[in-house]
Every structure is written in structure tokens, then in C-alpha cells.
Amino acid sequence: MITLTDEEGIFLVRLARRAVSEYLTKRVLITPPDDTPSRLYEKRGVFVTIKSYPSNELRGCIGFPEPIFPLVEATIKAALSSALEDPRFPPLSRSELNHVVFEVSALTPPQLIKVSSPTEYPSQIKVGRDGLIVEKGLFKGLLLPQVAVEYNWNEEEFLSQCCIKALLPPDAWLDPDTKVYKFQAEIFEEEKPEGPIKRKTLS
């Protein structure tokens, strides 16, 4: 796993906020800054999560599971999509900027979990380390590693909730036609709006 330095993680969170702020206040789509660390141009999956402060309620979360864009570009795109295009919420307003916190999760490439029986899936994942993708036919759902920790789910509950996210029955992970992938994430978050940024540890 590529390990980001704290400085690189802080850079990404500030960039996510700036991308949204510049668009909401000036309708400007920013590009990667000149001082972007070179490693952030490596392609990597990323999700940007926006939460209301101080209630910690979800306000938007969108990203790219696969490493298809340079991390710095993916962070800008995901931040704007999370703020403006999450179908679960109205677009973020300019007045809300001082009442939300940004969280950036840089992902490892998803790995297909290979098992001889679907009942083995719970033993192949670990809450607090892994995120999940469940896929069956046209249905696909993703949950970041921190979600299972926040809701205190065990591995079976995590699998079931990921199936629900994919609009599948909770026990769809037991279907041999269902594919389950796992990935890890490095997570950085604001402690308060425009405040200090820290690395988030899950275990």
C-alpha cells in the first residue's frame, strides 16, 4: 500500500475543500496546484466524504473506486461530485461551507476475494481495515472501511449492509454469483470546518 505522508494527506483535504469553495463562491473549476507533491500524480482511487459539523451527519460521499485518475485530480473531481451531485442530498450551498468538514479516503486497488464457499467471506475481511464492494450483475455497492467502524458492525453485518447499498437482498453475499472485493484506505479528516487535519485511525 502506498503510504501517504501526513503532509500529503493534509494537502488533499485542503484541496478538496478549496475545490468546492472556489466553485461555490466563484464558479471556478480549479486544477492541481503548482506545489502538488509529485506522488499525488500517481493514479489512485479516492472518495471524498462531507459531513455536517458538529452533528457528524453525512452530507455527501462520492468517489472513484478504481485508480483511473491521478490522485490529485481524482480528489478535485470527487470533492465537487460529493458536494453537488450526491443524489441522496441537495447540492451543498455556499452558506454551508463553514458548517461541514471534509474527509479524504485514498484507496488501494480493489481485490477480488476468492473463496471456495461464500460462507468464508467473513473470515477473509476485517472490520477496521477493509472496505467492501459487492457486485452482482448490474448491481454494485461500496462501503468505505470507516463505515463499518462507525456503525459497530461485525463482518457479516458489513457484508449485508454492502449488499443493501447495492440494492440487493442482505444475504446476497451468500449467492455464488455475487462477487465481493476488498480494499484499504488512508483517511484524513478535518477536526472542524477549516480546522486542523488529522490521519484517521480505525483500529
C-alpha atoms as a PDB file:
ATOM      1  CA  MET A   1       0.000   0.000   0.000  1.00  0.00           C
ATOM      2  CA  ILE A   2       1.322   3.434  -0.950  1.00  0.00           C
ATOM      3  CA  THR A   3       1.569   5.301   2.317  1.00  0.00           C
ATOM      4  CA  LEU A   4       0.817   8.987   2.148  1.00  0.00           C
ATOM      5  CA  THR A   5       2.729  11.287   4.442  1.00  0.00           C
ATOM      6  CA  ASP A   6       0.693  13.401   6.837  1.00  0.00           C
ATOM      7  CA  GLU A   7       1.636  16.434   4.742  1.00  0.00           C
ATOM      8  CA  GLU A   8       0.272  14.799   1.575  1.00  0.00           C
ATOM      9  CA  GLY A   9      -2.960  13.826   3.335  1.00  0.00           C
ATOM     10  CA  ILE A  10      -3.410  17.349   4.697  1.00  0.00           C
ATOM     11  CA  PHE A  11      -2.756  18.713   1.198  1.00  0.00           C
ATOM     12  CA  LEU A  12      -5.556  16.546  -0.250  1.00  0.00           C
ATOM     13  CA  VAL A  13      -8.135  17.546   2.371  1.00  0.00           C
ATOM     14  CA  ARG A  14      -7.353  21.229   1.904  1.00  0.00           C
ATOM     15  CA  LEU A  15      -7.550  20.738  -1.849  1.00  0.00           C
ATOM     16  CA  ALA A  16     -10.969  19.070  -1.557  1.00  0.00           C
ATOM     17  CA  ARG A  17     -12.329  21.990   0.455  1.00  0.00           C
ATOM     18  CA  ARG A  18     -10.742  24.541  -1.865  1.00  0.00           C
ATOM     19  CA  ALA A  19     -12.210  22.852  -4.962  1.00  0.00           C
ATOM     20  CA  VAL A  20     -15.720  23.128  -3.522  1.00  0.00           C
ATOM     21  CA  SER A  21     -15.217  26.613  -2.091  1.00  0.00           C
ATOM     22  CA  GLU A  22     -13.843  28.064  -5.346  1.00  0.00           C
ATOM     23  CA  TYR A  23     -16.729  26.595  -7.307  1.00  0.00           C
ATOM     24  CA  LEU A  24     -19.465  27.723  -4.927  1.00  0.00           C
ATOM     25  CA  THR A  25     -18.091  31.238  -4.468  1.00  0.00           C
ATOM     26  CA  LYS A  26     -16.625  31.996  -7.924  1.00  0.00           C
ATOM     27  CA  ARG A  27     -17.864  29.181 -10.221  1.00  0.00           C
ATOM     28  CA  VAL A  28     -14.203  28.345 -10.826  1.00  0.00           C
ATOM     29  CA  LEU A  29     -13.086  24.761 -11.539  1.00  0.00           C
ATOM     30  CA  ILE A  30      -9.609  24.525 -10.039  1.00  0.00           C
ATOM     31  CA  THR A  31      -6.729  22.484 -11.451  1.00  0.00           C
ATOM     32  CA  PRO A  32      -3.925  20.770  -9.484  1.00  0.00           C
ATOM     33  CA  PRO A  33      -1.788  23.489  -7.845  1.00  0.00           C
ATOM     34  CA  ASP A  34       1.832  24.019  -8.856  1.00  0.00           C
ATOM     35  CA  ASP A  35       3.002  22.868  -5.425  1.00  0.00           C
ATOM     36  CA  THR A  36       1.276  19.462  -5.674  1.00  0.00           C
ATOM     37  CA  PRO A  37       3.643  16.747  -4.338  1.00  0.00           C
ATOM     38  CA  SER A  38       4.785  14.535  -7.225  1.00  0.00           C
ATOM     39  CA  ARG A  39       3.447  11.319  -5.659  1.00  0.00           C
ATOM     40  CA  LEU A  40      -0.081  12.707  -5.767  1.00  0.00           C
ATOM     41  CA  TYR A  41       0.041  12.423  -9.566  1.00  0.00           C
ATOM     42  CA  GLU A  42       0.087   8.624  -9.254  1.00  0.00           C
ATOM     43  CA  LYS A  43      -3.248   7.091 -10.210  1.00  0.00           C
ATOM     44  CA  ARG A  44      -5.264   6.001  -7.215  1.00  0.00           C
ATOM     45  CA  GLY A  45      -8.898   5.572  -6.179  1.00  0.00           C
ATOM     46  CA  VAL A  46     -10.305   8.123  -3.766  1.00  0.00           C
ATOM     47  CA  PHE A  47     -13.533   9.099  -2.013  1.00  0.00           C
ATOM     48  CA  VAL A  48     -14.385  12.492  -0.570  1.00  0.00           C
ATOM     49  CA  THR A  49     -16.858  12.495   2.309  1.00  0.00           C
ATOM     50  CA  ILE A  50     -18.565  15.664   3.527  1.00  0.00           C
ATOM     51  CA  LYS A  51     -20.231  15.696   6.947  1.00  0.00           C
ATOM     52  CA  SER A  52     -22.261  18.289   8.794  1.00  0.00           C
ATOM     53  CA  TYR A  53     -20.488  19.805  11.789  1.00  0.00           C
ATOM     54  CA  PRO A  54     -20.820  19.228  14.695  1.00  0.00           C
ATOM     55  CA  SER A  55     -23.582  16.636  14.185  1.00  0.00           C
ATOM     56  CA  ASN A  56     -21.288  14.420  12.057  1.00  0.00           C
ATOM     57  CA  GLU A  57     -24.218  13.542   9.774  1.00  0.00           C
ATOM     58  CA  LEU A  58     -23.377  12.542   6.222  1.00  0.00           C
ATOM     59  CA  ARG A  59     -23.793  15.380   3.717  1.00  0.00           C
ATOM     60  CA  GLY A  60     -22.226  13.795   0.645  1.00  0.00           C
ATOM     61  CA  CYS A  61     -19.867  10.988  -0.357  1.00  0.00           C
ATOM     62  CA  ILE A  62     -18.731  10.192  -3.885  1.00  0.00           C
ATOM     63  CA  GLY A  63     -15.509   8.929  -5.378  1.00  0.00           C
ATOM     64  CA  PHE A  64     -13.662   6.605  -7.684  1.00  0.00           C
ATOM     65  CA  PRO A  65     -13.033   3.027  -6.510  1.00  0.00           C
ATOM     66  CA  GLU A  66     -10.519   2.319  -9.283  1.00  0.00           C
ATOM     67  CA  PRO A  67      -7.177   4.068  -9.910  1.00  0.00           C
ATOM     68  CA  ILE A  68      -8.269   5.749 -13.159  1.00  0.00           C
ATOM     69  CA  PHE A  69      -7.160   9.331 -12.438  1.00  0.00           C
ATOM     70  CA  PRO A  70      -4.079  10.866 -10.795  1.00  0.00           C
ATOM     71  CA  LEU A  71      -4.909  11.123  -7.092  1.00  0.00           C
ATOM     72  CA  VAL A  72      -4.784  14.923  -7.066  1.00  0.00           C
ATOM     73  CA  GLU A  73      -7.218  15.172  -9.993  1.00  0.00           C
ATOM     74  CA  ALA A  74      -9.492  12.454  -8.622  1.00  0.00           C
ATOM     75  CA  THR A  75      -9.699  14.324  -5.307  1.00  0.00           C
ATOM     76  CA  ILE A  76     -10.858  17.521  -7.027  1.00  0.00           C
ATOM     77  CA  LYS A  77     -13.453  15.648  -9.102  1.00  0.00           C
ATOM     78  CA  ALA A  78     -14.707  13.616  -6.133  1.00  0.00           C
ATOM     79  CA  ALA A  79     -14.968  16.694  -3.901  1.00  0.00           C
ATOM     80  CA  LEU A  80     -17.136  18.536  -6.417  1.00  0.00           C
ATOM     81  CA  SER A  81     -19.299  15.473  -7.076  1.00  0.00           C
ATOM     82  CA  SER A  82     -19.729  14.836  -3.349  1.00  0.00           C
ATOM     83  CA  ALA A  83     -20.783  18.440  -2.753  1.00  0.00           C
ATOM     84  CA  LEU A  84     -23.016  18.896  -5.768  1.00  0.00           C
ATOM     85  CA  GLU A  85     -24.076  15.560  -7.261  1.00  0.00           C
ATOM     86  CA  ASP A  86     -24.756  13.062  -4.465  1.00  0.00           C
ATOM     87  CA  PRO A  87     -28.353  12.048  -5.312  1.00  0.00           C
ATOM     88  CA  ARG A  88     -29.153  11.500  -1.625  1.00  0.00           C
ATOM     89  CA  PHE A  89     -28.763  15.190  -0.764  1.00  0.00           C
ATOM     90  CA  PRO A  90     -29.439  18.633  -2.211  1.00  0.00           C
ATOM     91  CA  PRO A  91     -26.331  20.384  -3.581  1.00  0.00           C
ATOM     92  CA  LEU A  92     -24.157  21.964  -0.913  1.00  0.00           C
ATOM     93  CA  SER A  93     -24.780  25.691  -0.597  1.00  0.00           C
ATOM     94  CA  ARG A  94     -22.207  28.424  -0.152  1.00  0.00           C
ATOM     95  CA  SER A  95     -23.579  29.180   3.327  1.00  0.00           C
ATOM     96  CA  GLU A  96     -22.947  25.590   4.432  1.00  0.00           C
ATOM     97  CA  LEU A  97     -19.196  25.702   3.791  1.00  0.00           C
ATOM     98  CA  ASN A  98     -18.452  26.839   7.341  1.00  0.00           C
ATOM     99  CA  HIS A  99     -20.684  24.108   8.788  1.00  0.00           C
ATOM    100  CA  VAL A 100     -19.222  20.986   7.152  1.00  0.00           C
ATOM    101  CA  VAL A 101     -15.995  19.017   7.423  1.00  0.00           C
ATOM    102  CA  PHE A 102     -14.148  17.249   4.618  1.00  0.00           C
ATOM    103  CA  GLU A 103     -12.672  13.760   4.728  1.00  0.00           C
ATOM    104  CA  VAL A 104     -10.483  12.202   2.011  1.00  0.00           C
ATOM    105  CA  SER A 105     -10.003   8.429   1.714  1.00  0.00           C
ATOM    106  CA  ALA A 106      -7.209   7.350  -0.655  1.00  0.00           C
ATOM    107  CA  LEU A 107      -7.795   3.742  -1.688  1.00  0.00           C
ATOM    108  CA  THR A 108      -5.781   0.693  -2.632  1.00  0.00           C
ATOM    109  CA  PRO A 109      -6.970  -1.090  -5.822  1.00  0.00           C
ATOM    110  CA  PRO A 110      -9.944  -3.388  -5.088  1.00  0.00           C
ATOM    111  CA  GLN A 111      -9.032  -7.082  -4.826  1.00  0.00           C
ATOM    112  CA  LEU A 112     -11.466  -9.856  -5.666  1.00  0.00           C
ATOM    113  CA  ILE A 113     -11.858 -12.127  -2.632  1.00  0.00           C
ATOM    114  CA  LYS A 114     -11.538 -15.732  -3.802  1.00  0.00           C
ATOM    115  CA  VAL A 115     -13.315 -18.341  -1.699  1.00  0.00           C
ATOM    116  CA  SER A 116     -14.393 -21.928  -2.195  1.00  0.00           C
ATOM    117  CA  SER A 117     -17.701 -21.128  -0.463  1.00  0.00           C
ATOM    118  CA  PRO A 118     -19.423 -17.763   0.161  1.00  0.00           C
ATOM    119  CA  THR A 119     -19.634 -18.669   3.856  1.00  0.00           C
ATOM    120  CA  GLU A 120     -15.870 -17.997   4.012  1.00  0.00           C
ATOM    121  CA  TYR A 121     -16.242 -14.288   3.206  1.00  0.00           C
ATOM    122  CA  PRO A 122     -16.493 -13.075   6.820  1.00  0.00           C
ATOM    123  CA  SER A 123     -13.160 -14.732   7.665  1.00  0.00           C
ATOM    124  CA  GLN A 124     -11.484 -13.053   4.678  1.00  0.00           C
ATOM    125  CA  ILE A 125     -12.301  -9.483   5.695  1.00  0.00           C
ATOM    126  CA  LYS A 126     -11.570  -7.421   8.763  1.00  0.00           C
ATOM    127  CA  VAL A 127     -13.640  -4.555  10.129  1.00  0.00           C
ATOM    128  CA  GLY A 128     -11.385  -1.571  10.750  1.00  0.00           C
ATOM    129  CA  ARG A 129      -9.068  -2.472   7.893  1.00  0.00           C
ATOM    130  CA  ASP A 130     -11.110  -3.341   4.809  1.00  0.00           C
ATOM    131  CA  GLY A 131     -13.673  -1.582   2.701  1.00  0.00           C
ATOM    132  CA  LEU A 132     -16.029  -3.671   0.582  1.00  0.00           C
ATOM    133  CA  ILE A 133     -17.506  -3.754  -2.899  1.00  0.00           C
ATOM    134  CA  VAL A 134     -20.341  -6.180  -3.621  1.00  0.00           C
ATOM    135  CA  GLU A 135     -21.247  -6.818  -7.253  1.00  0.00           C
ATOM    136  CA  LYS A 136     -23.905  -8.955  -8.875  1.00  0.00           C
ATOM    137  CA  GLY A 137     -24.907  -8.383 -12.470  1.00  0.00           C
ATOM    138  CA  LEU A 138     -25.680  -4.684 -12.903  1.00  0.00           C
ATOM    139  CA  PHE A 139     -25.895  -4.125  -9.141  1.00  0.00           C
ATOM    140  CA  LYS A 140     -22.884  -2.779  -7.302  1.00  0.00           C
ATOM    141  CA  GLY A 141     -22.382  -1.254  -3.859  1.00  0.00           C
ATOM    142  CA  LEU A 142     -19.358   0.124  -1.998  1.00  0.00           C
ATOM    143  CA  LEU A 143     -18.786   0.918   1.653  1.00  0.00           C
ATOM    144  CA  LEU A 144     -15.618   2.548   2.966  1.00  0.00           C
ATOM    145  CA  PRO A 145     -13.723   0.911   5.863  1.00  0.00           C
ATOM    146  CA  GLN A 146     -14.720   3.621   8.342  1.00  0.00           C
ATOM    147  CA  VAL A 147     -18.446   2.988   7.828  1.00  0.00           C
ATOM    148  CA  ALA A 148     -18.373  -0.435   9.494  1.00  0.00           C
ATOM    149  CA  VAL A 149     -16.459   1.028  12.447  1.00  0.00           C
ATOM    150  CA  GLU A 150     -18.836   3.990  12.830  1.00  0.00           C
ATOM    151  CA  TYR A 151     -21.858   1.665  12.936  1.00  0.00           C
ATOM    152  CA  ASN A 152     -20.106  -1.007  15.025  1.00  0.00           C
ATOM    153  CA  TRP A 153     -20.893  -3.755  12.503  1.00  0.00           C
ATOM    154  CA  ASN A 154     -19.262  -7.171  12.540  1.00  0.00           C
ATOM    155  CA  GLU A 155     -18.030  -8.749   9.303  1.00  0.00           C
ATOM    156  CA  GLU A 156     -21.343 -10.412   8.423  1.00  0.00           C
ATOM    157  CA  GLU A 157     -23.291  -7.211   9.070  1.00  0.00           C
ATOM    158  CA  PHE A 158     -20.785  -5.308   6.943  1.00  0.00           C
ATOM    159  CA  LEU A 159     -21.325  -7.722   4.054  1.00  0.00           C
ATOM    160  CA  SER A 160     -25.101  -7.495   4.414  1.00  0.00           C
ATOM    161  CA  GLN A 161     -25.092  -3.697   4.544  1.00  0.00           C
ATOM    162  CA  CYS A 162     -22.908  -3.564   1.443  1.00  0.00           C
ATOM    163  CA  CYS A 163     -25.457  -5.773  -0.341  1.00  0.00           C
ATOM    164  CA  ILE A 164     -28.224  -3.361   0.707  1.00  0.00           C
ATOM    165  CA  LYS A 165     -26.115  -0.473  -0.643  1.00  0.00           C
ATOM    166  CA  ALA A 166     -26.040  -2.368  -3.953  1.00  0.00           C
ATOM    167  CA  LEU A 167     -29.851  -2.632  -3.830  1.00  0.00           C
ATOM    168  CA  LEU A 168     -29.568  -6.378  -3.312  1.00  0.00           C
ATOM    169  CA  PRO A 169     -31.059  -8.561  -0.549  1.00  0.00           C
ATOM    170  CA  PRO A 170     -28.967  -8.515   2.661  1.00  0.00           C
ATOM    171  CA  ASP A 171     -27.926 -12.142   2.166  1.00  0.00           C
ATOM    172  CA  ALA A 172     -26.894 -11.698  -1.485  1.00  0.00           C
ATOM    173  CA  TRP A 173     -23.257 -12.186  -0.463  1.00  0.00           C
ATOM    174  CA  LEU A 174     -24.090 -15.874   0.047  1.00  0.00           C
ATOM    175  CA  ASP A 175     -25.084 -16.172  -3.635  1.00  0.00           C
ATOM    176  CA  PRO A 176     -22.270 -17.848  -5.626  1.00  0.00           C
ATOM    177  CA  ASP A 177     -22.927 -15.371  -8.471  1.00  0.00           C
ATOM    178  CA  THR A 178     -22.077 -12.416  -6.233  1.00  0.00           C
ATOM    179  CA  LYS A 179     -18.538 -11.032  -6.330  1.00  0.00           C
ATOM    180  CA  VAL A 180     -17.002  -9.447  -3.247  1.00  0.00           C
ATOM    181  CA  TYR A 181     -13.954  -7.187  -3.386  1.00  0.00           C
ATOM    182  CA  LYS A 182     -11.968  -5.634  -0.565  1.00  0.00           C
ATOM    183  CA  PHE A 183      -9.694  -2.621  -0.390  1.00  0.00           C
ATOM    184  CA  GLN A 184      -7.957  -0.490   2.217  1.00  0.00           C
ATOM    185  CA  ALA A 185      -7.907   3.269   2.687  1.00  0.00           C
ATOM    186  CA  GLU A 186      -5.738   6.003   4.123  1.00  0.00           C
ATOM    187  CA  ILE A 187      -8.121   8.522   5.656  1.00  0.00           C
ATOM    188  CA  PHE A 188      -7.542  12.159   6.524  1.00  0.00           C
ATOM    189  CA  GLU A 189     -10.201  14.437   8.002  1.00  0.00           C
ATOM    190  CA  GLU A 190     -10.803  17.948   9.270  1.00  0.00           C
ATOM    191  CA  GLU A 191     -11.442  18.106  13.016  1.00  0.00           C
ATOM    192  CA  LYS A 192     -13.678  21.145  12.448  1.00  0.00           C
ATOM    193  CA  PRO A 193     -14.517  23.331   9.426  1.00  0.00           C
ATOM    194  CA  GLU A 194     -11.217  24.670   8.024  1.00  0.00           C
ATOM    195  CA  GLY A 195      -9.570  23.401  11.204  1.00  0.00           C
ATOM    196  CA  PRO A 196      -6.684  21.026  11.907  1.00  0.00           C
ATOM    197  CA  ILE A 197      -6.481  17.906   9.730  1.00  0.00           C
ATOM    198  CA  LYS A 198      -5.550  14.519  11.146  1.00  0.00           C
ATOM    199  CA  ARG A 199      -4.991  10.990   9.929  1.00  0.00           C
ATOM    200  CA  LYS A 200      -7.961   8.843  10.924  1.00  0.00           C
ATOM    201  CA  THR A 201      -7.148   5.513  12.553  1.00  0.00           C
ATOM    202  CA  LEU A 202      -9.873   2.861  12.671  1.00  0.00           C
ATOM    203  CA  SER A 203      -8.479   0.161  14.931  1.00  0.00           C
END
